């Protein structure tokens, strides 16, 4: 017998999808027929992906502090900063060199790794029961959005 999935709070779901909107809009802008506009969309996509990864790392940091307020794990705190550092390094690379096809795949991979970590450690981290499901839904959305960038690259938009 399978357990019923937890009900996602409406506010968390709505705000989560609103948080994905700029990522989706910037990816769609990268499909523009004008190369400079398409490049701007790719850069905006990369910058916002780095923002999302920074947010997710902050959530992980908060979970660790809640888990052990008197003695948080230095290793877990360091790991919570890694997605942000990777995202911002990748975004800076895209701004300077625009290797967007590979960057979109790397961003998708970083989102996937972050989601797996969140999913596997949510209980230990003190996350609400609905948090892993929310992360699965939003990570799936971000990974689908990441697929728009290779399409723009294949269409020679930048």
C-alpha atoms as a PDB file:
ATOM      1  CA  UNK A   1       0.000   0.000   0.000  1.00  0.00           C
ATOM      2  CA  UNK A   2       1.387   3.384  -0.990  1.00  0.00           C
ATOM      3  CA  UNK A   3       1.242   6.375   1.288  1.00  0.00           C
ATOM      4  CA  UNK A   4      -0.685   9.347   0.003  1.00  0.00           C
ATOM      5  CA  UNK A   5       1.567  12.249  -0.925  1.00  0.00           C
ATOM      6  CA  UNK A   6       1.415  15.248   1.377  1.00  0.00           C
ATOM      7  CA  UNK A   7      -0.763  18.168   0.379  1.00  0.00           C
ATOM      8  CA  UNK A   8       1.294  21.116  -0.796  1.00  0.00           C
ATOM      9  CA  UNK A   9       0.386  24.442   0.809  1.00  0.00           C
ATOM     10  CA  UNK A  10      -1.101  26.737  -1.822  1.00  0.00           C
ATOM     11  CA  UNK A  11       1.125  29.643  -0.886  1.00  0.00           C
ATOM     12  CA  UNK A  12       4.297  27.561  -1.249  1.00  0.00           C
ATOM     13  CA  UNK A  13       3.170  26.163  -4.588  1.00  0.00           C
ATOM     14  CA  UNK A  14       2.089  29.529  -5.983  1.00  0.00           C
ATOM     15  CA  UNK A  15       5.222  31.312  -4.841  1.00  0.00           C
ATOM     16  CA  UNK A  16       7.333  28.446  -6.146  1.00  0.00           C
ATOM     17  CA  UNK A  17       5.823  28.716  -9.621  1.00  0.00           C
ATOM     18  CA  UNK A  18       6.065  32.511  -9.521  1.00  0.00           C
ATOM     19  CA  UNK A  19       9.737  32.042  -8.682  1.00  0.00           C
ATOM     20  CA  UNK A  20      10.152  29.907 -11.809  1.00  0.00           C
ATOM     21  CA  UNK A  21       8.448  32.487 -14.049  1.00  0.00           C
ATOM     22  CA  UNK A  22      11.520  34.718 -14.627  1.00  0.00           C
ATOM     23  CA  UNK A  23      13.570  31.644 -15.512  1.00  0.00           C
ATOM     24  CA  UNK A  24      10.943  30.598 -18.060  1.00  0.00           C
ATOM     25  CA  UNK A  25      10.489  34.079 -19.503  1.00  0.00           C
ATOM     26  CA  UNK A  26      14.227  34.602 -19.933  1.00  0.00           C
ATOM     27  CA  UNK A  27      14.568  31.181 -21.596  1.00  0.00           C
ATOM     28  CA  UNK A  28      11.736  32.092 -23.990  1.00  0.00           C
ATOM     29  CA  UNK A  29      13.445  35.416 -24.777  1.00  0.00           C
ATOM     30  CA  UNK A  30      16.477  33.387 -25.859  1.00  0.00           C
ATOM     31  CA  UNK A  31      14.308  32.080 -28.726  1.00  0.00           C
ATOM     32  CA  UNK A  32      14.104  35.588 -30.232  1.00  0.00           C
ATOM     33  CA  UNK A  33      15.052  35.942 -33.890  1.00  0.00           C
ATOM     34  CA  UNK A  34      17.297  38.881 -33.007  1.00  0.00           C
ATOM     35  CA  UNK A  35      20.706  37.569 -31.892  1.00  0.00           C
ATOM     36  CA  UNK A  36      21.347  40.365 -29.389  1.00  0.00           C
ATOM     37  CA  UNK A  37      17.930  39.860 -27.764  1.00  0.00           C
ATOM     38  CA  UNK A  38      18.410  36.085 -27.722  1.00  0.00           C
ATOM     39  CA  UNK A  39      21.834  36.518 -26.087  1.00  0.00           C
ATOM     40  CA  UNK A  40      20.322  38.870 -23.507  1.00  0.00           C
ATOM     41  CA  UNK A  41      17.707  36.208 -22.735  1.00  0.00           C
ATOM     42  CA  UNK A  42      20.433  33.581 -22.299  1.00  0.00           C
ATOM     43  CA  UNK A  43      22.376  35.848 -19.959  1.00  0.00           C
ATOM     44  CA  UNK A  44      19.230  36.674 -17.960  1.00  0.00           C
ATOM     45  CA  UNK A  45      18.459  32.941 -17.783  1.00  0.00           C
ATOM     46  CA  UNK A  46      21.912  32.202 -16.379  1.00  0.00           C
ATOM     47  CA  UNK A  47      21.794  35.028 -13.853  1.00  0.00           C
ATOM     48  CA  UNK A  48      18.358  34.042 -12.599  1.00  0.00           C
ATOM     49  CA  UNK A  49      19.330  30.363 -12.410  1.00  0.00           C
ATOM     50  CA  UNK A  50      22.210  31.461 -10.157  1.00  0.00           C
ATOM     51  CA  UNK A  51      19.727  33.440  -8.037  1.00  0.00           C
ATOM     52  CA  UNK A  52      17.510  30.357  -7.651  1.00  0.00           C
ATOM     53  CA  UNK A  53      20.477  28.204  -6.672  1.00  0.00           C
ATOM     54  CA  UNK A  54      21.499  30.839  -4.116  1.00  0.00           C
ATOM     55  CA  UNK A  55      17.993  30.774  -2.667  1.00  0.00           C
ATOM     56  CA  UNK A  56      17.998  26.976  -2.440  1.00  0.00           C
ATOM     57  CA  UNK A  57      21.382  27.043  -0.739  1.00  0.00           C
ATOM     58  CA  UNK A  58      20.012  29.564   1.750  1.00  0.00           C
ATOM     59  CA  UNK A  59      17.093  27.270   2.496  1.00  0.00           C
ATOM     60  CA  UNK A  60      19.536  24.410   3.127  1.00  0.00           C
ATOM     61  CA  UNK A  61      21.606  26.636   5.403  1.00  0.00           C
ATOM     62  CA  UNK A  62      18.460  27.550   7.329  1.00  0.00           C
ATOM     63  CA  UNK A  63      17.495  23.902   7.690  1.00  0.00           C
ATOM     64  CA  UNK A  64      20.941  23.101   9.078  1.00  0.00           C
ATOM     65  CA  UNK A  65      20.754  25.922  11.583  1.00  0.00           C
ATOM     66  CA  UNK A  66      17.283  24.730  12.641  1.00  0.00           C
ATOM     67  CA  UNK A  67      18.528  21.134  12.883  1.00  0.00           C
ATOM     68  CA  UNK A  68      21.401  21.961  15.210  1.00  0.00           C
ATOM     69  CA  UNK A  69      21.180  25.593  16.388  1.00  0.00           C
ATOM     70  CA  UNK A  70      23.962  25.253  18.940  1.00  0.00           C
ATOM     71  CA  UNK A  71      26.404  23.341  16.734  1.00  0.00           C
ATOM     72  CA  UNK A  72      25.503  23.306  13.025  1.00  0.00           C
ATOM     73  CA  UNK A  73      27.639  21.057  10.872  1.00  0.00           C
ATOM     74  CA  UNK A  74      30.361  23.041   9.122  1.00  0.00           C
ATOM     75  CA  UNK A  75      30.374  20.488   6.309  1.00  0.00           C
ATOM     76  CA  UNK A  76      26.633  20.859   5.709  1.00  0.00           C
ATOM     77  CA  UNK A  77      26.899  24.641   5.794  1.00  0.00           C
ATOM     78  CA  UNK A  78      29.735  24.478   3.259  1.00  0.00           C
ATOM     79  CA  UNK A  79      27.708  22.155   1.023  1.00  0.00           C
ATOM     80  CA  UNK A  80      24.742  24.531   1.242  1.00  0.00           C
ATOM     81  CA  UNK A  81      26.948  27.263  -0.274  1.00  0.00           C
ATOM     82  CA  UNK A  82      28.269  25.140  -3.157  1.00  0.00           C
ATOM     83  CA  UNK A  83      25.202  25.378  -5.465  1.00  0.00           C
ATOM     84  CA  UNK A  84      25.292  29.183  -5.232  1.00  0.00           C
ATOM     85  CA  UNK A  85      29.017  29.301  -5.926  1.00  0.00           C
ATOM     86  CA  UNK A  86      28.648  26.948  -8.878  1.00  0.00           C
ATOM     87  CA  UNK A  87      25.664  28.891 -10.220  1.00  0.00           C
ATOM     88  CA  UNK A  88      27.367  32.275 -10.011  1.00  0.00           C
ATOM     89  CA  UNK A  89      30.576  30.932 -11.549  1.00  0.00           C
ATOM     90  CA  UNK A  90      28.587  29.444 -14.399  1.00  0.00           C
ATOM     91  CA  UNK A  91      26.563  32.653 -14.847  1.00  0.00           C
ATOM     92  CA  UNK A  92      29.756  34.723 -15.037  1.00  0.00           C
ATOM     93  CA  UNK A  93      31.092  32.338 -17.655  1.00  0.00           C
ATOM     94  CA  UNK A  94      27.923  32.746 -19.724  1.00  0.00           C
ATOM     95  CA  UNK A  95      28.133  36.547 -19.488  1.00  0.00           C
ATOM     96  CA  UNK A  96      31.682  36.534 -20.819  1.00  0.00           C
ATOM     97  CA  UNK A  97      31.683  33.634 -23.282  1.00  0.00           C
ATOM     98  CA  UNK A  98      28.024  32.630 -23.876  1.00  0.00           C
ATOM     99  CA  UNK A  99      28.584  28.834 -24.000  1.00  0.00           C
ATOM    100  CA  UNK A 100      24.908  28.590 -23.195  1.00  0.00           C
ATOM    101  CA  UNK A 101      24.166  25.093 -24.464  1.00  0.00           C
ATOM    102  CA  UNK A 102      26.553  23.501 -22.001  1.00  0.00           C
ATOM    103  CA  UNK A 103      25.612  25.956 -19.273  1.00  0.00           C
ATOM    104  CA  UNK A 104      21.926  25.023 -19.467  1.00  0.00           C
ATOM    105  CA  UNK A 105      22.808  21.353 -19.065  1.00  0.00           C
ATOM    106  CA  UNK A 106      25.082  22.149 -16.121  1.00  0.00           C
ATOM    107  CA  UNK A 107      22.387  24.303 -14.492  1.00  0.00           C
ATOM    108  CA  UNK A 108      19.901  21.438 -14.928  1.00  0.00           C
ATOM    109  CA  UNK A 109      22.405  19.077 -13.323  1.00  0.00           C
ATOM    110  CA  UNK A 110      23.012  21.396 -10.370  1.00  0.00           C
ATOM    111  CA  UNK A 111      19.250  21.764  -9.851  1.00  0.00           C
ATOM    112  CA  UNK A 112      18.905  17.958  -9.954  1.00  0.00           C
ATOM    113  CA  UNK A 113      21.719  17.383  -7.442  1.00  0.00           C
ATOM    114  CA  UNK A 114      20.259  20.017  -5.111  1.00  0.00           C
ATOM    115  CA  UNK A 115      16.816  18.402  -5.369  1.00  0.00           C
ATOM    116  CA  UNK A 116      18.217  14.929  -4.653  1.00  0.00           C
ATOM    117  CA  UNK A 117      20.014  16.266  -1.593  1.00  0.00           C
ATOM    118  CA  UNK A 118      16.853  18.026  -0.422  1.00  0.00           C
ATOM    119  CA  UNK A 119      14.731  14.936  -1.028  1.00  0.00           C
ATOM    120  CA  UNK A 120      17.082  12.536   0.768  1.00  0.00           C
ATOM    121  CA  UNK A 121      17.775  14.715   3.766  1.00  0.00           C
ATOM    122  CA  UNK A 122      14.498  16.594   4.253  1.00  0.00           C
ATOM    123  CA  UNK A 123      13.452  14.630   7.325  1.00  0.00           C
ATOM    124  CA  UNK A 124      16.843  14.931   8.978  1.00  0.00           C
ATOM    125  CA  UNK A 125      16.981  18.633   8.131  1.00  0.00           C
ATOM    126  CA  UNK A 126      13.668  19.363   9.826  1.00  0.00           C
ATOM    127  CA  UNK A 127      11.836  20.204   6.596  1.00  0.00           C
ATOM    128  CA  UNK A 128       8.046  19.926   6.502  1.00  0.00           C
ATOM    129  CA  UNK A 129       6.676  16.673   5.046  1.00  0.00           C
ATOM    130  CA  UNK A 130       5.517  18.456   1.891  1.00  0.00           C
ATOM    131  CA  UNK A 131       8.915  20.035   1.098  1.00  0.00           C
ATOM    132  CA  UNK A 132      10.422  17.101  -0.892  1.00  0.00           C
ATOM    133  CA  UNK A 133       7.351  16.967  -3.143  1.00  0.00           C
ATOM    134  CA  UNK A 134       7.479  20.714  -3.695  1.00  0.00           C
ATOM    135  CA  UNK A 135      11.161  20.454  -4.621  1.00  0.00           C
ATOM    136  CA  UNK A 136      10.421  17.625  -7.076  1.00  0.00           C
ATOM    137  CA  UNK A 137       7.729  19.670  -8.810  1.00  0.00           C
ATOM    138  CA  UNK A 138       9.773  22.871  -8.990  1.00  0.00           C
ATOM    139  CA  UNK A 139      12.996  21.122  -9.971  1.00  0.00           C
ATOM    140  CA  UNK A 140      11.130  19.312 -12.736  1.00  0.00           C
ATOM    141  CA  UNK A 141       9.851  22.676 -13.947  1.00  0.00           C
ATOM    142  CA  UNK A 142      13.299  24.244 -13.875  1.00  0.00           C
ATOM    143  CA  UNK A 143      14.800  21.311 -15.766  1.00  0.00           C
ATOM    144  CA  UNK A 144      12.106  21.541 -18.443  1.00  0.00           C
ATOM    145  CA  UNK A 145      12.853  25.254 -18.755  1.00  0.00           C
ATOM    146  CA  UNK A 146      16.561  24.454 -19.078  1.00  0.00           C
ATOM    147  CA  UNK A 147      15.713  22.469 -22.239  1.00  0.00           C
ATOM    148  CA  UNK A 148      14.585  25.657 -24.005  1.00  0.00           C
ATOM    149  CA  UNK A 149      18.173  26.940 -24.154  1.00  0.00           C
ATOM    150  CA  UNK A 150      19.498  24.036 -26.276  1.00  0.00           C
ATOM    151  CA  UNK A 151      16.526  24.629 -28.589  1.00  0.00           C
ATOM    152  CA  UNK A 152      17.539  28.278 -28.967  1.00  0.00           C
ATOM    153  CA  UNK A 153      21.124  27.190 -29.611  1.00  0.00           C
ATOM    154  CA  UNK A 154      19.987  24.671 -32.253  1.00  0.00           C
ATOM    155  CA  UNK A 155      17.999  27.458 -33.921  1.00  0.00           C
ATOM    156  CA  UNK A 156      21.191  29.560 -34.003  1.00  0.00           C
ATOM    157  CA  UNK A 157      19.628  32.413 -32.023  1.00  0.00           C
ATOM    158  CA  UNK A 158      22.946  33.567 -30.531  1.00  0.00           C
END
